[in-house]
Amino acid sequence: KAQLAVNAVEAANPNLFVSGWRPFIGWTCGFALAYQFVVVPLGTWLAASVGIIVPEAPKLDPVLWELVTAMLGMAGFRMYEKTKGVASK
């Protein structure tokens, strides 16, 4: 219950560095995944379609997957709590 109170205070803070760290992590993961699975493949394909040979783009660190799955897992658990009515208790 104490952590919930801390989370509520952090979320209500107008300072982006206090209330925005969770969204920042989410957006960072989203941009990294978009780069890895959308931008690089489309860019490579477009370059190849006009005859430009590009070197292979660097791969992202696999730890990104751990972070994304942890965030999604926590969000999924929270949704499960809400559907079961446990979140309000």
N, C-alpha and C. Protein backbone atom coordinates (compact mmCIF):
# COMPACT_ATOMS: atom_id res chain seq x y z
N LYS A 1 0.83 -1.19 0.00
CA LYS A 1 0.00 0.00 0.00
C LYS A 1 0.87 1.25 0.00
N ALA A 2 2.02 1.17 0.69
CA ALA A 2 2.92 2.33 0.72
C ALA A 2 3.48 2.62 -0.67
N GLN A 3 3.77 1.56 -1.44
CA GLN A 3 4.29 1.77 -2.79
C GLN A 3 3.24 2.42 -3.68
N LEU A 4 1.98 2.06 -3.50
CA LEU A 4 0.91 2.69 -4.27
C LEU A 4 0.83 4.18 -3.98
N ALA A 5 1.02 4.56 -2.73
CA ALA A 5 1.01 5.97 -2.36
C ALA A 5 2.17 6.70 -3.01
N VAL A 6 3.35 6.08 -3.02
CA VAL A 6 4.52 6.69 -3.67
C VAL A 6 4.27 6.84 -5.17
N ASN A 7 3.71 5.79 -5.79
CA ASN A 7 3.42 5.85 -7.22
C ASN A 7 2.44 6.96 -7.55
N ALA A 8 1.43 7.15 -6.72
CA ALA A 8 0.44 8.20 -6.95
C ALA A 8 1.08 9.58 -6.85
N VAL A 9 1.97 9.77 -5.89
CA VAL A 9 2.65 11.06 -5.73
C VAL A 9 3.56 11.31 -6.93
N GLU A 10 4.30 10.29 -7.37
CA GLU A 10 5.17 10.44 -8.54
C GLU A 10 4.37 10.80 -9.78
N ALA A 11 3.26 10.11 -10.00
CA ALA A 11 2.45 10.34 -11.20
C ALA A 11 1.83 11.73 -11.20
N ALA A 12 1.53 12.28 -10.04
CA ALA A 12 0.90 13.60 -9.96
C ALA A 12 1.90 14.74 -10.09
N ASN A 13 3.16 14.44 -10.01
CA ASN A 13 4.18 15.48 -10.06
C ASN A 13 4.26 16.07 -11.47
N PRO A 14 4.25 17.41 -11.59
CA PRO A 14 4.33 18.03 -12.92
C PRO A 14 5.72 17.94 -13.55
N ASN A 15 6.73 17.61 -12.76
CA ASN A 15 8.09 17.51 -13.28
C ASN A 15 8.22 16.23 -14.10
N LEU A 16 8.62 16.36 -15.36
CA LEU A 16 8.74 15.23 -16.27
C LEU A 16 9.74 14.19 -15.77
N PHE A 17 10.78 14.61 -15.08
CA PHE A 17 11.78 13.67 -14.61
C PHE A 17 11.28 12.81 -13.45
N VAL A 18 10.21 13.23 -12.82
CA VAL A 18 9.64 12.44 -11.73
C VAL A 18 8.47 11.60 -12.23
N SER A 19 7.58 12.21 -12.96
CA SER A 19 6.39 11.50 -13.40
C SER A 19 6.56 10.83 -14.75
N GLY A 20 7.63 11.15 -15.46
CA GLY A 20 7.76 10.64 -16.82
C GLY A 20 8.73 9.50 -17.03
N TRP A 21 9.29 8.94 -15.97
CA TRP A 21 10.28 7.89 -16.20
C TRP A 21 9.66 6.61 -16.73
N ARG A 22 8.48 6.26 -16.28
CA ARG A 22 7.83 5.05 -16.81
C ARG A 22 7.45 5.24 -18.28
N PRO A 23 6.82 6.34 -18.64
CA PRO A 23 6.53 6.54 -20.06
C PRO A 23 7.81 6.61 -20.90
N PHE A 24 8.85 7.20 -20.36
CA PHE A 24 10.11 7.28 -21.10
C PHE A 24 10.64 5.88 -21.43
N ILE A 25 10.60 4.98 -20.46
CA ILE A 25 11.06 3.61 -20.69
C ILE A 25 10.19 2.93 -21.74
N GLY A 26 8.90 3.13 -21.66
CA GLY A 26 7.99 2.54 -22.65
C GLY A 26 8.25 3.06 -24.05
N TRP A 27 8.39 4.38 -24.19
CA TRP A 27 8.67 4.95 -25.51
C TRP A 27 10.03 4.51 -26.04
N THR A 28 11.02 4.43 -25.15
CA THR A 28 12.35 3.99 -25.58
C THR A 28 12.29 2.57 -26.12
N CYS A 29 11.60 1.69 -25.42
CA CYS A 29 11.46 0.32 -25.90
C CYS A 29 10.69 0.27 -27.22
N GLY A 30 9.65 1.06 -27.32
CA GLY A 30 8.88 1.10 -28.56
C GLY A 30 9.70 1.58 -29.74
N PHE A 31 10.48 2.65 -29.54
CA PHE A 31 11.32 3.13 -30.63
C PHE A 31 12.40 2.13 -31.00
N ALA A 32 12.98 1.47 -30.00
CA ALA A 32 14.01 0.47 -30.28
C ALA A 32 13.44 -0.70 -31.07
N LEU A 33 12.26 -1.17 -30.69
CA LEU A 33 11.64 -2.26 -31.43
C LEU A 33 11.25 -1.83 -32.84
N ALA A 34 10.73 -0.62 -32.98
CA ALA A 34 10.39 -0.11 -34.31
C ALA A 34 11.63 -0.01 -35.19
N TYR A 35 12.74 0.44 -34.63
CA TYR A 35 13.99 0.51 -35.38
C TYR A 35 14.41 -0.88 -35.83
N GLN A 36 14.41 -1.83 -34.90
CA GLN A 36 14.90 -3.18 -35.18
C GLN A 36 14.04 -3.91 -36.20
N PHE A 37 12.71 -3.76 -36.10
CA PHE A 37 11.82 -4.60 -36.90
C PHE A 37 11.04 -3.88 -37.99
N VAL A 38 11.13 -2.55 -38.05
CA VAL A 38 10.42 -1.82 -39.11
C VAL A 38 11.40 -0.97 -39.92
N VAL A 39 12.10 -0.08 -39.25
CA VAL A 39 12.96 0.89 -39.95
C VAL A 39 14.10 0.19 -40.69
N VAL A 40 14.82 -0.67 -40.00
CA VAL A 40 15.98 -1.33 -40.63
C VAL A 40 15.55 -2.23 -41.80
N PRO A 41 14.57 -3.12 -41.61
CA PRO A 41 14.18 -3.96 -42.75
C PRO A 41 13.64 -3.16 -43.94
N LEU A 42 12.79 -2.16 -43.66
CA LEU A 42 12.25 -1.36 -44.77
C LEU A 42 13.34 -0.53 -45.44
N GLY A 43 14.23 0.04 -44.62
CA GLY A 43 15.32 0.83 -45.19
C GLY A 43 16.25 -0.01 -46.04
N THR A 44 16.56 -1.21 -45.57
CA THR A 44 17.42 -2.12 -46.34
C THR A 44 16.73 -2.53 -47.63
N TRP A 45 15.45 -2.85 -47.55
CA TRP A 45 14.70 -3.24 -48.74
C TRP A 45 14.61 -2.10 -49.75
N LEU A 46 14.30 -0.90 -49.25
CA LEU A 46 14.22 0.25 -50.17
C LEU A 46 15.56 0.55 -50.83
N ALA A 47 16.63 0.49 -50.05
CA ALA A 47 17.95 0.73 -50.62
C ALA A 47 18.29 -0.33 -51.67
N ALA A 48 18.00 -1.58 -51.36
CA ALA A 48 18.28 -2.66 -52.32
C ALA A 48 17.42 -2.53 -53.58
N SER A 49 16.20 -2.03 -53.43
CA SER A 49 15.32 -1.90 -54.59
C SER A 49 15.79 -0.83 -55.57
N VAL A 50 16.59 0.12 -55.10
CA VAL A 50 17.14 1.13 -56.01
C VAL A 50 18.62 0.87 -56.32
N GLY A 51 19.11 -0.30 -55.89
CA GLY A 51 20.47 -0.69 -56.24
C GLY A 51 21.56 -0.22 -55.30
N ILE A 52 21.20 0.23 -54.12
CA ILE A 52 22.20 0.68 -53.15
C ILE A 52 22.47 -0.47 -52.19
N ILE A 53 23.74 -0.80 -52.06
CA ILE A 53 24.12 -1.84 -51.11
C ILE A 53 24.49 -1.16 -49.79
N VAL A 54 23.79 -1.54 -48.74
CA VAL A 54 24.06 -0.95 -47.42
C VAL A 54 24.64 -2.02 -46.51
N PRO A 55 25.55 -1.63 -45.63
CA PRO A 55 26.06 -2.61 -44.67
C PRO A 55 24.98 -3.01 -43.68
N GLU A 56 25.16 -4.15 -43.07
CA GLU A 56 24.17 -4.62 -42.10
C GLU A 56 24.11 -3.65 -40.91
N ALA A 57 22.89 -3.31 -40.53
CA ALA A 57 22.69 -2.40 -39.40
C ALA A 57 23.03 -3.11 -38.10
N PRO A 58 23.49 -2.37 -37.10
CA PRO A 58 23.80 -3.01 -35.82
C PRO A 58 22.53 -3.55 -35.17
N LYS A 59 22.67 -4.68 -34.51
CA LYS A 59 21.54 -5.29 -33.80
C LYS A 59 21.44 -4.70 -32.41
N LEU A 60 20.23 -4.68 -31.91
CA LEU A 60 20.01 -4.19 -30.55
C LEU A 60 20.37 -5.27 -29.54
N ASP A 61 20.69 -4.85 -28.37
CA ASP A 61 21.04 -5.75 -27.28
C ASP A 61 19.83 -6.62 -26.91
N PRO A 62 20.02 -7.92 -26.73
CA PRO A 62 18.89 -8.78 -26.35
C PRO A 62 18.26 -8.43 -25.00
N VAL A 63 18.93 -7.64 -24.19
CA VAL A 63 18.36 -7.24 -22.90
C VAL A 63 17.09 -6.41 -23.13
N LEU A 64 16.98 -5.78 -24.29
CA LEU A 64 15.77 -5.03 -24.62
C LEU A 64 14.54 -5.93 -24.50
N TRP A 65 14.66 -7.17 -24.96
CA TRP A 65 13.52 -8.09 -24.88
C TRP A 65 13.13 -8.37 -23.45
N GLU A 66 14.12 -8.49 -22.59
CA GLU A 66 13.82 -8.72 -21.17
C GLU A 66 13.04 -7.55 -20.59
N LEU A 67 13.45 -6.35 -20.94
CA LEU A 67 12.77 -5.16 -20.44
C LEU A 67 11.35 -5.07 -20.98
N VAL A 68 11.19 -5.30 -22.27
CA VAL A 68 9.85 -5.21 -22.88
C VAL A 68 8.92 -6.27 -22.30
N THR A 69 9.41 -7.51 -22.22
CA THR A 69 8.53 -8.56 -21.68
C THR A 69 8.20 -8.32 -20.22
N ALA A 70 9.14 -7.76 -19.46
CA ALA A 70 8.84 -7.44 -18.07
C ALA A 70 7.77 -6.36 -17.99
N MET A 71 7.89 -5.33 -18.82
CA MET A 71 6.88 -4.26 -18.80
C MET A 71 5.52 -4.79 -19.24
N LEU A 72 5.50 -5.59 -20.30
CA LEU A 72 4.23 -6.13 -20.78
C LEU A 72 3.63 -7.12 -19.78
N GLY A 73 4.49 -7.88 -19.14
CA GLY A 73 4.01 -8.82 -18.14
C GLY A 73 3.37 -8.11 -16.97
N MET A 74 3.99 -7.03 -16.53
CA MET A 74 3.42 -6.26 -15.42
C MET A 74 2.11 -5.63 -15.84
N ALA A 75 2.06 -5.13 -17.06
CA ALA A 75 0.81 -4.52 -17.54
C ALA A 75 -0.27 -5.59 -17.67
N GLY A 76 0.10 -6.77 -18.13
CA GLY A 76 -0.86 -7.87 -18.25
C GLY A 76 -1.37 -8.31 -16.89
N PHE A 77 -0.49 -8.35 -15.90
CA PHE A 77 -0.91 -8.73 -14.56
C PHE A 77 -1.87 -7.70 -13.99
N ARG A 78 -1.58 -6.43 -14.25
CA ARG A 78 -2.46 -5.36 -13.77
C ARG A 78 -3.84 -5.48 -14.40
N MET A 79 -3.87 -5.78 -15.71
CA MET A 79 -5.16 -5.95 -16.39
C MET A 79 -5.90 -7.14 -15.81
N TYR A 80 -5.20 -8.20 -15.50
CA TYR A 80 -5.82 -9.38 -14.88
C TYR A 80 -6.43 -9.00 -13.53
N GLU A 81 -5.67 -8.22 -12.74
CA GLU A 81 -6.21 -7.78 -11.45
C GLU A 81 -7.49 -6.96 -11.63
N LYS A 82 -7.48 -6.08 -12.62
CA LYS A 82 -8.66 -5.24 -12.84
C LYS A 82 -9.86 -6.06 -13.25
N THR A 83 -9.66 -7.06 -14.12
CA THR A 83 -10.79 -7.87 -14.57
C THR A 83 -11.35 -8.74 -13.45
N LYS A 84 -10.52 -9.13 -12.51
CA LYS A 84 -10.97 -9.95 -11.39
C LYS A 84 -11.48 -9.11 -10.23
N GLY A 85 -11.38 -7.78 -10.32
CA GLY A 85 -11.85 -6.91 -9.27
C GLY A 85 -10.93 -6.81 -8.07
N VAL A 86 -9.73 -7.29 -8.19
CA VAL A 86 -8.78 -7.26 -7.08
C VAL A 86 -8.09 -5.91 -6.99
N ALA A 87 -8.01 -5.19 -8.08
CA ALA A 87 -7.27 -3.93 -8.14
C ALA A 87 -7.84 -2.88 -7.20
N SER A 88 -9.14 -2.93 -6.96
CA SER A 88 -9.77 -1.89 -6.13
C SER A 88 -9.66 -2.21 -4.64
N LYS A 89 -9.17 -3.37 -4.28
CA LYS A 89 -9.11 -3.76 -2.87
C LYS A 89 -7.81 -3.32 -2.26
